[in-house]
Amino acid sequence: MINSHLPVVIIGAGGHAKVVVDTLQAMQCEILGYTNITSEKPLLNIKYLGSDDFIINQNPKNILLVIGFGSVKFALERQKTFEKWKSLGFSFKSLIHPSAIISQYAKLGEGVQVLMGSLIQACATIKDNCIINTGASVDHDCFIDSHCHIAPRVTLSGGVTISSNCHIGTGAVVIQNIIIENNVTVGAGAVVIKNVSSNSVVYGIPAK
């Protein structure tokens, strides 16, 4: 069982990290600081802790980690980062912005980030290390596997299955019962009306 009240260390300092900070502060969480390769990227009012070596020197029982970069440029890096620190005994905090609406019957994995204004309906399952970004809508019985990014204003209709390491671009719509296999990128504004095979990039209306 993860102690959700432990202080948090943010990994990375990109644009997504600003949203992470805002969400953590809205949740009234204690933020120890952030790690990054360089201190040249200040992160709002958050203390710079140095490189990831700071984390190595911590007791995994005393802190929680949050990944502070998105998946547009770093899709596989999110997975690698999550799996690296899990293998060393660390745990990841799940973020739920106070404005998000989540059904009591939904299931969320470790390190999931449910951001401002998003909606997750009954019997949806979101696995580890996924981002449900600003204003996204995940309807009933959807299944989203680990390390996916559901970008701002995406709409997933009921019963959609999204396999691991997928990026569903801003404003995309996926109709009911569609299956999207591993490592797929769906372009911004696309409308997906057919199943999508692994390692594909699809875009347009309808998505091809």
C-alpha atoms as a PDB file:
ATOM      1  CA  MET A   1       0.000   0.000   0.000  1.00  0.00           C
ATOM      2  CA  ILE A   2       1.406   3.390  -1.060  1.00  0.00           C
ATOM      3  CA  ASN A   3       1.426   6.129   1.585  1.00  0.00           C
ATOM      4  CA  SER A   4      -0.114   8.956  -0.445  1.00  0.00           C
ATOM      5  CA  HIS A   5       0.845  11.562   2.177  1.00  0.00           C
ATOM      6  CA  LEU A   6       4.595  11.289   1.596  1.00  0.00           C
ATOM      7  CA  PRO A   7       6.432  14.306   0.114  1.00  0.00           C
ATOM      8  CA  VAL A   8       6.904  14.336  -3.648  1.00  0.00           C
ATOM      9  CA  VAL A   9       9.899  14.694  -5.961  1.00  0.00           C
ATOM     10  CA  ILE A  10       9.153  15.726  -9.554  1.00  0.00           C
ATOM     11  CA  ILE A  11      11.355  14.263 -12.300  1.00  0.00           C
ATOM     12  CA  GLY A  12      11.900  16.767 -15.126  1.00  0.00           C
ATOM     13  CA  ALA A  13      11.177  20.442 -15.675  1.00  0.00           C
ATOM     14  CA  GLY A  14       9.404  20.801 -19.019  1.00  0.00           C
ATOM     15  CA  GLY A  15       6.067  22.396 -19.798  1.00  0.00           C
ATOM     16  CA  HIS A  16       4.165  19.396 -18.472  1.00  0.00           C
ATOM     17  CA  ALA A  17       5.974  19.778 -15.147  1.00  0.00           C
ATOM     18  CA  LYS A  18       4.265  23.150 -14.655  1.00  0.00           C
ATOM     19  CA  VAL A  19       0.884  21.430 -14.901  1.00  0.00           C
ATOM     20  CA  VAL A  20       2.104  18.758 -12.490  1.00  0.00           C
ATOM     21  CA  VAL A  21       3.160  21.420  -9.966  1.00  0.00           C
ATOM     22  CA  ASP A  22      -0.173  23.211 -10.255  1.00  0.00           C
ATOM     23  CA  THR A  23      -2.055  19.939  -9.739  1.00  0.00           C
ATOM     24  CA  LEU A  24       0.044  18.897  -6.739  1.00  0.00           C
ATOM     25  CA  GLN A  25      -0.447  22.299  -5.142  1.00  0.00           C
ATOM     26  CA  ALA A  26      -4.197  22.132  -5.787  1.00  0.00           C
ATOM     27  CA  MET A  27      -4.114  18.754  -4.014  1.00  0.00           C
ATOM     28  CA  GLN A  28      -2.199  20.405  -1.128  1.00  0.00           C
ATOM     29  CA  CYS A  29       0.715  17.993  -1.487  1.00  0.00           C
ATOM     30  CA  GLU A  30       4.184  18.646  -0.114  1.00  0.00           C
ATOM     31  CA  ILE A  31       6.704  19.064  -2.954  1.00  0.00           C
ATOM     32  CA  LEU A  32      10.341  18.578  -1.941  1.00  0.00           C
ATOM     33  CA  GLY A  33      11.573  19.834  -5.305  1.00  0.00           C
ATOM     34  CA  TYR A  34      12.425  18.676  -8.798  1.00  0.00           C
ATOM     35  CA  THR A  35      15.320  16.895 -10.469  1.00  0.00           C
ATOM     36  CA  ASN A  36      16.656  17.655 -13.921  1.00  0.00           C
ATOM     37  CA  ILE A  37      19.866  17.235 -15.911  1.00  0.00           C
ATOM     38  CA  THR A  38      20.448  20.981 -15.651  1.00  0.00           C
ATOM     39  CA  SER A  39      19.263  23.766 -13.344  1.00  0.00           C
ATOM     40  CA  GLU A  40      18.882  26.087 -16.339  1.00  0.00           C
ATOM     41  CA  LYS A  41      15.163  25.246 -16.488  1.00  0.00           C
ATOM     42  CA  PRO A  42      13.537  26.853 -13.444  1.00  0.00           C
ATOM     43  CA  LEU A  43      10.219  25.282 -12.453  1.00  0.00           C
ATOM     44  CA  LEU A  44       7.855  27.916 -11.079  1.00  0.00           C
ATOM     45  CA  ASN A  45       8.540  28.300  -7.343  1.00  0.00           C
ATOM     46  CA  ILE A  46       9.885  24.758  -6.868  1.00  0.00           C
ATOM     47  CA  LYS A  47      13.338  24.005  -5.459  1.00  0.00           C
ATOM     48  CA  TYR A  48      15.944  22.460  -7.770  1.00  0.00           C
ATOM     49  CA  LEU A  49      17.360  19.310  -6.156  1.00  0.00           C
ATOM     50  CA  GLY A  50      20.010  18.450  -8.734  1.00  0.00           C
ATOM     51  CA  SER A  51      20.174  15.499 -11.100  1.00  0.00           C
ATOM     52  CA  ASP A  52      18.394  12.195 -10.574  1.00  0.00           C
ATOM     53  CA  ASP A  53      21.303  11.248  -8.295  1.00  0.00           C
ATOM     54  CA  PHE A  54      19.324  13.033  -5.582  1.00  0.00           C
ATOM     55  CA  ILE A  55      16.669  10.316  -5.808  1.00  0.00           C
ATOM     56  CA  ILE A  56      19.199   7.495  -5.651  1.00  0.00           C
ATOM     57  CA  ASN A  57      20.339   8.804  -2.277  1.00  0.00           C
ATOM     58  CA  GLN A  58      16.805   8.780  -0.814  1.00  0.00           C
ATOM     59  CA  ASN A  59      15.009   6.024   1.063  1.00  0.00           C
ATOM     60  CA  PRO A  60      12.191   4.779  -1.227  1.00  0.00           C
ATOM     61  CA  LYS A  61       9.929   4.571   1.821  1.00  0.00           C
ATOM     62  CA  ASN A  62      10.227   8.310   2.488  1.00  0.00           C
ATOM     63  CA  ILE A  63       9.250   9.926  -0.833  1.00  0.00           C
ATOM     64  CA  LEU A  64       6.956   9.503  -3.818  1.00  0.00           C
ATOM     65  CA  LEU A  65       7.929  10.297  -7.402  1.00  0.00           C
ATOM     66  CA  VAL A  66       6.029  12.106 -10.151  1.00  0.00           C
ATOM     67  CA  ILE A  67       7.115  12.209 -13.799  1.00  0.00           C
ATOM     68  CA  GLY A  68       7.145  15.827 -14.932  1.00  0.00           C
ATOM     69  CA  PHE A  69       7.440  15.407 -18.689  1.00  0.00           C
ATOM     70  CA  GLY A  70       4.844  14.403 -21.249  1.00  0.00           C
ATOM     71  CA  SER A  71       4.905  11.976 -24.150  1.00  0.00           C
ATOM     72  CA  VAL A  72       4.971  14.171 -27.255  1.00  0.00           C
ATOM     73  CA  LYS A  73       8.773  14.003 -27.451  1.00  0.00           C
ATOM     74  CA  PHE A  74       9.459  11.467 -24.701  1.00  0.00           C
ATOM     75  CA  ALA A  75       6.915   8.651 -25.094  1.00  0.00           C
ATOM     76  CA  LEU A  76       9.292   5.779 -24.348  1.00  0.00           C
ATOM     77  CA  GLU A  77      11.207   7.860 -21.801  1.00  0.00           C
ATOM     78  CA  ARG A  78       8.129   7.968 -19.572  1.00  0.00           C
ATOM     79  CA  GLN A  79       7.978   4.175 -19.570  1.00  0.00           C
ATOM     80  CA  LYS A  80      11.736   3.794 -19.022  1.00  0.00           C
ATOM     81  CA  THR A  81      11.696   6.306 -16.159  1.00  0.00           C
ATOM     82  CA  PHE A  82       8.747   4.628 -14.471  1.00  0.00           C
ATOM     83  CA  GLU A  83      10.209   1.132 -14.770  1.00  0.00           C
ATOM     84  CA  LYS A  84      13.714   2.227 -13.689  1.00  0.00           C
ATOM     85  CA  TRP A  85      12.581   3.725 -10.396  1.00  0.00           C
ATOM     86  CA  LYS A  86      10.050   0.976  -9.714  1.00  0.00           C
ATOM     87  CA  SER A  87      12.866  -1.578 -10.062  1.00  0.00           C
ATOM     88  CA  LEU A  88      14.780   0.362  -7.390  1.00  0.00           C
ATOM     89  CA  GLY A  89      11.866   0.190  -4.963  1.00  0.00           C
ATOM     90  CA  PHE A  90      10.349   3.653  -5.447  1.00  0.00           C
ATOM     91  CA  SER A  91       6.639   4.376  -5.828  1.00  0.00           C
ATOM     92  CA  PHE A  92       4.797   6.953  -7.922  1.00  0.00           C
ATOM     93  CA  LYS A  93       2.087   9.287  -6.719  1.00  0.00           C
ATOM     94  CA  SER A  94      -1.179   9.419  -8.643  1.00  0.00           C
ATOM     95  CA  LEU A  95      -2.445  12.929  -9.360  1.00  0.00           C
ATOM     96  CA  ILE A  96      -6.128  13.805  -9.409  1.00  0.00           C
ATOM     97  CA  HIS A  97      -6.908  17.475  -9.911  1.00  0.00           C
ATOM     98  CA  PRO A  98      -9.783  18.611  -7.652  1.00  0.00           C
ATOM     99  CA  SER A  99     -11.771  19.676 -10.723  1.00  0.00           C
ATOM    100  CA  ALA A 100     -11.579  16.217 -12.327  1.00  0.00           C
ATOM    101  CA  ILE A 101     -14.651  13.996 -12.086  1.00  0.00           C
ATOM    102  CA  ILE A 102     -13.981  10.289 -11.566  1.00  0.00           C
ATOM    103  CA  SER A 103     -16.629   7.615 -11.113  1.00  0.00           C
ATOM    104  CA  GLN A 104     -16.471   5.612  -7.911  1.00  0.00           C
ATOM    105  CA  TYR A 105     -16.477   2.537 -10.172  1.00  0.00           C
ATOM    106  CA  ALA A 106     -13.413   3.544 -12.197  1.00  0.00           C
ATOM    107  CA  LYS A 107     -10.029   1.939 -11.480  1.00  0.00           C
ATOM    108  CA  LEU A 108      -6.764   3.900 -11.602  1.00  0.00           C
ATOM    109  CA  GLY A 109      -3.236   2.489 -11.567  1.00  0.00           C
ATOM    110  CA  GLU A 110      -0.068   3.809  -9.956  1.00  0.00           C
ATOM    111  CA  GLY A 111       1.324   7.129 -11.123  1.00  0.00           C
ATOM    112  CA  VAL A 112      -1.749   8.052 -13.169  1.00  0.00           C
ATOM    113  CA  GLN A 113      -2.176  11.795 -13.774  1.00  0.00           C
ATOM    114  CA  VAL A 114      -5.800  12.927 -14.100  1.00  0.00           C
ATOM    115  CA  LEU A 115      -5.585  16.618 -14.867  1.00  0.00           C
ATOM    116  CA  MET A 116      -7.824  19.669 -14.704  1.00  0.00           C
ATOM    117  CA  GLY A 117     -11.394  19.254 -15.924  1.00  0.00           C
ATOM    118  CA  SER A 118     -11.082  15.657 -17.095  1.00  0.00           C
ATOM    119  CA  LEU A 119     -13.854  13.069 -16.768  1.00  0.00           C
ATOM    120  CA  ILE A 120     -13.601   9.310 -16.176  1.00  0.00           C
ATOM    121  CA  GLN A 121     -16.836   7.347 -16.219  1.00  0.00           C
ATOM    122  CA  ALA A 122     -18.023   4.127 -14.576  1.00  0.00           C
ATOM    123  CA  CYS A 123     -16.018   0.920 -15.012  1.00  0.00           C
ATOM    124  CA  ALA A 124     -13.209   2.613 -16.927  1.00  0.00           C
ATOM    125  CA  THR A 125      -9.735   1.247 -16.145  1.00  0.00           C
ATOM    126  CA  ILE A 126      -6.603   3.393 -16.418  1.00  0.00           C
ATOM    127  CA  LYS A 127      -3.382   1.437 -15.890  1.00  0.00           C
ATOM    128  CA  ASP A 128      -0.030   2.659 -14.516  1.00  0.00           C
ATOM    129  CA  ASN A 129       1.748   5.836 -15.621  1.00  0.00           C
ATOM    130  CA  CYS A 130      -0.983   7.212 -17.891  1.00  0.00           C
ATOM    131  CA  ILE A 131      -1.834  10.876 -18.413  1.00  0.00           C
ATOM    132  CA  ILE A 132      -5.479  11.871 -18.761  1.00  0.00           C
ATOM    133  CA  ASN A 133      -4.851  15.445 -19.769  1.00  0.00           C
ATOM    134  CA  THR A 134      -6.850  18.658 -19.488  1.00  0.00           C
ATOM    135  CA  GLY A 135     -10.543  18.246 -20.270  1.00  0.00           C
ATOM    136  CA  ALA A 136     -10.262  14.718 -21.679  1.00  0.00           C
ATOM    137  CA  SER A 137     -13.306  12.442 -21.453  1.00  0.00           C
ATOM    138  CA  VAL A 138     -13.013   8.680 -20.878  1.00  0.00           C
ATOM    139  CA  ASP A 139     -16.405   7.009 -21.029  1.00  0.00           C
ATOM    140  CA  HIS A 140     -17.767   3.816 -19.473  1.00  0.00           C
ATOM    141  CA  ASP A 141     -15.888   0.519 -19.787  1.00  0.00           C
ATOM    142  CA  CYS A 142     -12.841   1.995 -21.507  1.00  0.00           C
ATOM    143  CA  PHE A 143      -9.535   0.222 -20.890  1.00  0.00           C
ATOM    144  CA  ILE A 144      -6.310   2.232 -21.189  1.00  0.00           C
ATOM    145  CA  ASP A 145      -3.129   0.225 -20.747  1.00  0.00           C
ATOM    146  CA  SER A 146       0.080   1.516 -19.148  1.00  0.00           C
ATOM    147  CA  HIS A 147       2.180   4.483 -20.330  1.00  0.00           C
ATOM    148  CA  CYS A 148      -0.477   6.125 -22.520  1.00  0.00           C
ATOM    149  CA  HIS A 149      -1.115   9.840 -22.958  1.00  0.00           C
ATOM    150  CA  ILE A 150      -4.694  10.924 -23.573  1.00  0.00           C
ATOM    151  CA  ALA A 151      -4.118  14.526 -24.634  1.00  0.00           C
ATOM    152  CA  PRO A 152      -6.303  17.579 -23.875  1.00  0.00           C
ATOM    153  CA  ARG A 153      -9.942  17.446 -25.007  1.00  0.00           C
ATOM    154  CA  VAL A 154      -9.773  13.875 -26.310  1.00  0.00           C
ATOM    155  CA  THR A 155     -13.110  12.034 -26.288  1.00  0.00           C
ATOM    156  CA  LEU A 156     -13.114   8.261 -25.839  1.00  0.00           C
ATOM    157  CA  SER A 157     -16.576   6.762 -26.269  1.00  0.00           C
ATOM    158  CA  GLY A 158     -17.725   3.723 -24.307  1.00  0.00           C
ATOM    159  CA  GLY A 159     -15.822   0.446 -24.456  1.00  0.00           C
ATOM    160  CA  VAL A 160     -12.684   1.751 -26.183  1.00  0.00           C
ATOM    161  CA  THR A 161      -9.488  -0.268 -25.631  1.00  0.00           C
ATOM    162  CA  ILE A 162      -6.133   1.484 -25.897  1.00  0.00           C
ATOM    163  CA  SER A 163      -3.036  -0.688 -25.549  1.00  0.00           C
ATOM    164  CA  SER A 164       0.273   0.414 -24.023  1.00  0.00           C
ATOM    165  CA  ASN A 165       2.463   3.325 -25.136  1.00  0.00           C
ATOM    166  CA  CYS A 166      -0.155   5.131 -27.197  1.00  0.00           C
ATOM    167  CA  HIS A 167      -0.499   8.871 -27.700  1.00  0.00           C
ATOM    168  CA  ILE A 168      -4.004  10.088 -28.528  1.00  0.00           C
ATOM    169  CA  GLY A 169      -3.560  13.639 -29.814  1.00  0.00           C
ATOM    170  CA  THR A 170      -5.371  16.778 -28.745  1.00  0.00           C
ATOM    171  CA  GLY A 171      -9.068  16.852 -29.564  1.00  0.00           C
ATOM    172  CA  ALA A 172      -9.175  13.398 -31.148  1.00  0.00           C
ATOM    173  CA  VAL A 173     -12.402  11.394 -30.990  1.00  0.00           C
ATOM    174  CA  VAL A 174     -12.546   7.592 -30.769  1.00  0.00           C
ATOM    175  CA  ILE A 175     -15.968   6.020 -31.299  1.00  0.00           C
ATOM    176  CA  GLN A 176     -17.357   3.197 -29.167  1.00  0.00           C
ATOM    177  CA  ASN A 177     -15.717  -0.246 -28.884  1.00  0.00           C
ATOM    178  CA  ILE A 178     -12.666   0.630 -30.997  1.00  0.00           C
ATOM    179  CA  ILE A 179      -9.411  -1.240 -30.269  1.00  0.00           C
ATOM    180  CA  ILE A 180      -6.135   0.666 -30.605  1.00  0.00           C
ATOM    181  CA  GLU A 181      -3.104  -1.615 -30.337  1.00  0.00           C
ATOM    182  CA  ASN A 182       0.380  -0.908 -28.889  1.00  0.00           C
ATOM    183  CA  ASN A 183       2.610   2.042 -29.806  1.00  0.00           C
ATOM    184  CA  VAL A 184       0.046   3.999 -31.819  1.00  0.00           C
ATOM    185  CA  THR A 185      -0.029   7.753 -32.358  1.00  0.00           C
ATOM    186  CA  VAL A 186      -3.384   9.305 -33.206  1.00  0.00           C
ATOM    187  CA  GLY A 187      -3.039  12.803 -34.633  1.00  0.00           C
ATOM    188  CA  ALA A 188      -4.704  15.872 -33.167  1.00  0.00           C
ATOM    189  CA  GLY A 189      -8.332  16.257 -34.196  1.00  0.00           C
ATOM    190  CA  ALA A 190      -8.574  12.798 -35.740  1.00  0.00           C
ATOM    191  CA  VAL A 191     -11.794  10.782 -35.673  1.00  0.00           C
ATOM    192  CA  VAL A 192     -11.089   7.071 -35.211  1.00  0.00           C
ATOM    193  CA  ILE A 193     -13.879   4.829 -36.535  1.00  0.00           C
ATOM    194  CA  LYS A 194     -11.875   1.630 -37.211  1.00  0.00           C
ATOM    195  CA  ASN A 195      -9.497  -0.478 -35.130  1.00  0.00           C
ATOM    196  CA  VAL A 196      -5.840   0.590 -35.346  1.00  0.00           C
ATOM    197  CA  SER A 197      -2.974  -1.920 -35.543  1.00  0.00           C
ATOM    198  CA  SER A 198       0.276  -1.689 -33.560  1.00  0.00           C
ATOM    199  CA  ASN A 199       3.049   0.777 -34.430  1.00  0.00           C
ATOM    200  CA  SER A 200       0.777   2.961 -36.564  1.00  0.00           C
ATOM    201  CA  VAL A 201       0.393   6.708 -36.981  1.00  0.00           C
ATOM    202  CA  VAL A 202      -3.123   7.740 -38.009  1.00  0.00           C
ATOM    203  CA  TYR A 203      -4.702  11.146 -38.525  1.00  0.00           C
ATOM    204  CA  GLY A 204      -7.547  12.908 -40.296  1.00  0.00           C
ATOM    205  CA  ILE A 205     -11.316  12.463 -40.510  1.00  0.00           C
ATOM    206  CA  PRO A 206     -11.780   9.566 -40.615  1.00  0.00           C
ATOM    207  CA  ALA A 207      -8.380   8.571 -39.253  1.00  0.00           C
ATOM    208  CA  LYS A 208      -6.182   6.628 -41.699  1.00  0.00           C
END
